[in-house]
Amino acid sequence: MVDLTAGLIGLGAGLSVGAAALATAWAQSTIGSAGMGLMAEKDGTFTNVLILMAIPETMVILGFLVAFFLIGKIPGIG
């Protein structure tokens, strides 16, 4: 039998991934629009913009890691 604790842990795991994905999307849209403006004005900045676009992806990886550890705490599963 699964109790309320398992449901709340599952909800927290889903929220950790979902919130991280939304934050990453917002950050990448902001960085992307600014990066396109920078590349239009100045040559040779593609690598810097590419690196800055990849940095927010770590938020999703950390959200997934939190969810992975939370799911491991559900009684009867981990």
N, C-alpha and C. Protein backbone atom coordinates (compact mmCIF):
# COMPACT_ATOMS: atom_id res chain seq x y z
N MET A 1 0.84 -1.18 0.00
CA MET A 1 0.00 0.00 0.00
C MET A 1 0.88 1.24 0.00
N VAL A 2 0.53 2.20 -0.84
CA VAL A 2 1.30 3.43 -0.96
C VAL A 2 0.59 4.52 -0.18
N ASP A 3 1.32 5.23 0.62
CA ASP A 3 0.71 6.27 1.44
C ASP A 3 0.90 7.65 0.83
N LEU A 4 0.48 8.66 1.55
CA LEU A 4 0.54 10.03 1.07
C LEU A 4 1.98 10.50 0.87
N THR A 5 2.90 9.96 1.65
CA THR A 5 4.30 10.36 1.53
C THR A 5 4.85 10.08 0.14
N ALA A 6 4.52 8.92 -0.40
CA ALA A 6 5.01 8.56 -1.73
C ALA A 6 4.46 9.51 -2.78
N GLY A 7 3.22 9.90 -2.66
CA GLY A 7 2.63 10.82 -3.62
C GLY A 7 3.27 12.20 -3.55
N LEU A 8 3.54 12.67 -2.35
CA LEU A 8 4.17 13.98 -2.20
C LEU A 8 5.61 13.98 -2.70
N ILE A 9 6.30 12.87 -2.47
CA ILE A 9 7.67 12.77 -2.98
C ILE A 9 7.65 12.76 -4.52
N GLY A 10 6.71 12.03 -5.10
CA GLY A 10 6.58 12.02 -6.56
C GLY A 10 6.22 13.39 -7.11
N LEU A 11 5.35 14.10 -6.42
CA LEU A 11 5.00 15.46 -6.84
C LEU A 11 6.21 16.39 -6.76
N GLY A 12 6.99 16.26 -5.71
CA GLY A 12 8.20 17.07 -5.59
C GLY A 12 9.21 16.75 -6.67
N ALA A 13 9.32 15.48 -7.03
CA ALA A 13 10.25 15.10 -8.10
C ALA A 13 9.81 15.70 -9.43
N GLY A 14 8.52 15.65 -9.70
CA GLY A 14 8.01 16.23 -10.95
C GLY A 14 8.18 17.74 -10.98
N LEU A 15 7.94 18.38 -9.86
CA LEU A 15 8.10 19.83 -9.80
C LEU A 15 9.56 20.25 -9.96
N SER A 16 10.48 19.45 -9.45
CA SER A 16 11.89 19.82 -9.57
C SER A 16 12.34 19.81 -11.03
N VAL A 17 11.89 18.83 -11.79
CA VAL A 17 12.25 18.77 -13.21
C VAL A 17 11.49 19.85 -14.00
N GLY A 18 10.21 20.01 -13.71
CA GLY A 18 9.40 20.98 -14.43
C GLY A 18 9.85 22.42 -14.21
N ALA A 19 10.12 22.77 -12.97
CA ALA A 19 10.57 24.13 -12.67
C ALA A 19 11.93 24.40 -13.28
N ALA A 20 12.81 23.41 -13.24
CA ALA A 20 14.13 23.58 -13.84
C ALA A 20 14.02 23.75 -15.35
N ALA A 21 13.11 23.02 -15.98
CA ALA A 21 12.94 23.14 -17.43
C ALA A 21 12.38 24.50 -17.82
N LEU A 22 11.42 25.01 -17.05
CA LEU A 22 10.88 26.34 -17.33
C LEU A 22 11.93 27.43 -17.13
N ALA A 23 12.73 27.31 -16.08
CA ALA A 23 13.78 28.30 -15.84
C ALA A 23 14.83 28.27 -16.95
N THR A 24 15.16 27.07 -17.41
CA THR A 24 16.12 26.95 -18.50
C THR A 24 15.58 27.56 -19.79
N ALA A 25 14.32 27.32 -20.08
CA ALA A 25 13.72 27.89 -21.29
C ALA A 25 13.73 29.41 -21.24
N TRP A 26 13.40 29.96 -20.09
CA TRP A 26 13.40 31.42 -19.96
C TRP A 26 14.81 31.98 -20.12
N ALA A 27 15.79 31.34 -19.48
CA ALA A 27 17.18 31.82 -19.56
C ALA A 27 17.71 31.72 -20.99
N GLN A 28 17.42 30.62 -21.67
CA GLN A 28 17.93 30.46 -23.02
C GLN A 28 17.26 31.42 -24.00
N SER A 29 16.00 31.74 -23.78
CA SER A 29 15.36 32.71 -24.67
C SER A 29 15.98 34.09 -24.51
N THR A 30 16.28 34.45 -23.28
CA THR A 30 16.91 35.75 -23.02
C THR A 30 18.33 35.80 -23.58
N ILE A 31 19.09 34.76 -23.30
CA ILE A 31 20.47 34.71 -23.78
C ILE A 31 20.51 34.62 -25.31
N GLY A 32 19.58 33.84 -25.87
CA GLY A 32 19.56 33.67 -27.33
C GLY A 32 19.27 34.97 -28.06
N SER A 33 18.30 35.73 -27.59
CA SER A 33 17.98 36.98 -28.28
C SER A 33 19.11 37.99 -28.14
N ALA A 34 19.71 38.04 -26.96
CA ALA A 34 20.84 38.95 -26.78
C ALA A 34 22.05 38.49 -27.60
N GLY A 35 22.24 37.18 -27.68
CA GLY A 35 23.36 36.64 -28.45
C GLY A 35 23.22 36.90 -29.93
N MET A 36 22.00 36.80 -30.45
CA MET A 36 21.80 37.09 -31.87
C MET A 36 22.10 38.56 -32.17
N GLY A 37 21.71 39.44 -31.26
CA GLY A 37 22.02 40.86 -31.44
C GLY A 37 23.52 41.10 -31.40
N LEU A 38 24.21 40.40 -30.50
CA LEU A 38 25.67 40.55 -30.41
C LEU A 38 26.35 40.05 -31.67
N MET A 39 25.91 38.90 -32.18
CA MET A 39 26.54 38.36 -33.38
C MET A 39 26.26 39.22 -34.61
N ALA A 40 25.12 39.91 -34.62
CA ALA A 40 24.84 40.80 -35.74
C ALA A 40 25.73 42.03 -35.72
N GLU A 41 26.12 42.45 -34.52
CA GLU A 41 26.94 43.66 -34.39
C GLU A 41 28.44 43.38 -34.48
N LYS A 42 28.85 42.21 -33.98
CA LYS A 42 30.29 41.95 -33.84
C LYS A 42 30.62 40.55 -34.37
N ASP A 43 31.60 40.45 -35.24
CA ASP A 43 32.02 39.16 -35.77
C ASP A 43 32.88 38.42 -34.74
N GLY A 44 32.87 37.09 -34.83
CA GLY A 44 33.75 36.28 -33.99
C GLY A 44 33.21 36.01 -32.60
N THR A 45 31.92 36.21 -32.38
CA THR A 45 31.37 35.98 -31.04
C THR A 45 30.49 34.73 -30.98
N PHE A 46 30.49 33.94 -32.05
CA PHE A 46 29.63 32.76 -32.09
C PHE A 46 29.98 31.77 -30.98
N THR A 47 31.26 31.53 -30.74
CA THR A 47 31.67 30.57 -29.72
C THR A 47 31.23 31.01 -28.33
N ASN A 48 31.38 32.29 -28.04
CA ASN A 48 30.96 32.79 -26.73
C ASN A 48 29.45 32.65 -26.54
N VAL A 49 28.69 32.95 -27.57
CA VAL A 49 27.23 32.83 -27.47
C VAL A 49 26.84 31.36 -27.33
N LEU A 50 27.51 30.48 -28.04
CA LEU A 50 27.21 29.06 -27.95
C LEU A 50 27.47 28.53 -26.54
N ILE A 51 28.56 28.94 -25.94
CA ILE A 51 28.88 28.52 -24.57
C ILE A 51 27.84 29.07 -23.60
N LEU A 52 27.46 30.32 -23.76
CA LEU A 52 26.47 30.91 -22.88
C LEU A 52 25.09 30.28 -23.06
N MET A 53 24.79 29.76 -24.24
CA MET A 53 23.52 29.07 -24.45
C MET A 53 23.52 27.69 -23.79
N ALA A 54 24.69 27.09 -23.62
CA ALA A 54 24.77 25.75 -23.04
C ALA A 54 24.77 25.76 -21.52
N ILE A 55 25.15 26.85 -20.91
CA ILE A 55 25.26 26.90 -19.45
C ILE A 55 23.91 26.67 -18.75
N PRO A 56 22.80 27.25 -19.18
CA PRO A 56 21.54 27.00 -18.47
C PRO A 56 21.07 25.55 -18.49
N GLU A 57 21.59 24.74 -19.40
CA GLU A 57 21.20 23.33 -19.43
C GLU A 57 21.58 22.61 -18.14
N THR A 58 22.54 23.15 -17.40
CA THR A 58 22.91 22.51 -16.14
C THR A 58 21.77 22.57 -15.14
N MET A 59 20.87 23.55 -15.27
CA MET A 59 19.72 23.62 -14.36
C MET A 59 18.82 22.40 -14.54
N VAL A 60 18.61 21.98 -15.77
CA VAL A 60 17.77 20.80 -16.02
C VAL A 60 18.45 19.55 -15.49
N ILE A 61 19.75 19.46 -15.68
CA ILE A 61 20.49 18.29 -15.19
C ILE A 61 20.40 18.23 -13.66
N LEU A 62 20.53 19.36 -12.99
CA LEU A 62 20.41 19.36 -11.53
C LEU A 62 18.99 19.05 -11.09
N GLY A 63 17.99 19.54 -11.80
CA GLY A 63 16.60 19.21 -11.48
C GLY A 63 16.34 17.72 -11.63
N PHE A 64 16.90 17.12 -12.68
CA PHE A 64 16.76 15.68 -12.88
C PHE A 64 17.45 14.91 -11.77
N LEU A 65 18.60 15.39 -11.34
CA LEU A 65 19.34 14.73 -10.26
C LEU A 65 18.55 14.77 -8.96
N VAL A 66 17.94 15.92 -8.65
CA VAL A 66 17.11 16.03 -7.45
C VAL A 66 15.94 15.06 -7.54
N ALA A 67 15.30 14.99 -8.71
CA ALA A 67 14.17 14.07 -8.88
C ALA A 67 14.61 12.62 -8.73
N PHE A 68 15.78 12.30 -9.25
CA PHE A 68 16.30 10.93 -9.13
C PHE A 68 16.49 10.55 -7.67
N PHE A 69 17.06 11.45 -6.88
CA PHE A 69 17.27 11.15 -5.47
C PHE A 69 15.96 11.11 -4.70
N LEU A 70 15.01 11.97 -5.07
CA LEU A 70 13.72 11.94 -4.39
C LEU A 70 12.96 10.65 -4.68
N ILE A 71 12.98 10.19 -5.90
CA ILE A 71 12.28 8.96 -6.24
C ILE A 71 12.91 7.78 -5.51
N GLY A 72 14.20 7.85 -5.26
CA GLY A 72 14.86 6.79 -4.49
C GLY A 72 14.41 6.73 -3.05
N LYS A 73 13.78 7.81 -2.56
CA LYS A 73 13.32 7.85 -1.18
C LYS A 73 11.89 7.34 -1.01
N ILE A 74 11.20 7.02 -2.11
CA ILE A 74 9.83 6.53 -2.01
C ILE A 74 9.85 5.14 -1.38
N PRO A 75 9.06 4.96 -0.32
CA PRO A 75 9.06 3.66 0.35
C PRO A 75 8.54 2.55 -0.59
N GLY A 76 9.22 1.44 -0.60
CA GLY A 76 8.81 0.32 -1.42
C GLY A 76 9.43 0.32 -2.81
N ILE A 77 10.07 1.43 -3.22
CA ILE A 77 10.69 1.48 -4.54
C ILE A 77 12.22 1.41 -4.40
N GLY A 78 12.77 2.29 -3.55
CA GLY A 78 14.21 2.39 -3.40
C GLY A 78 14.67 1.53 -2.34
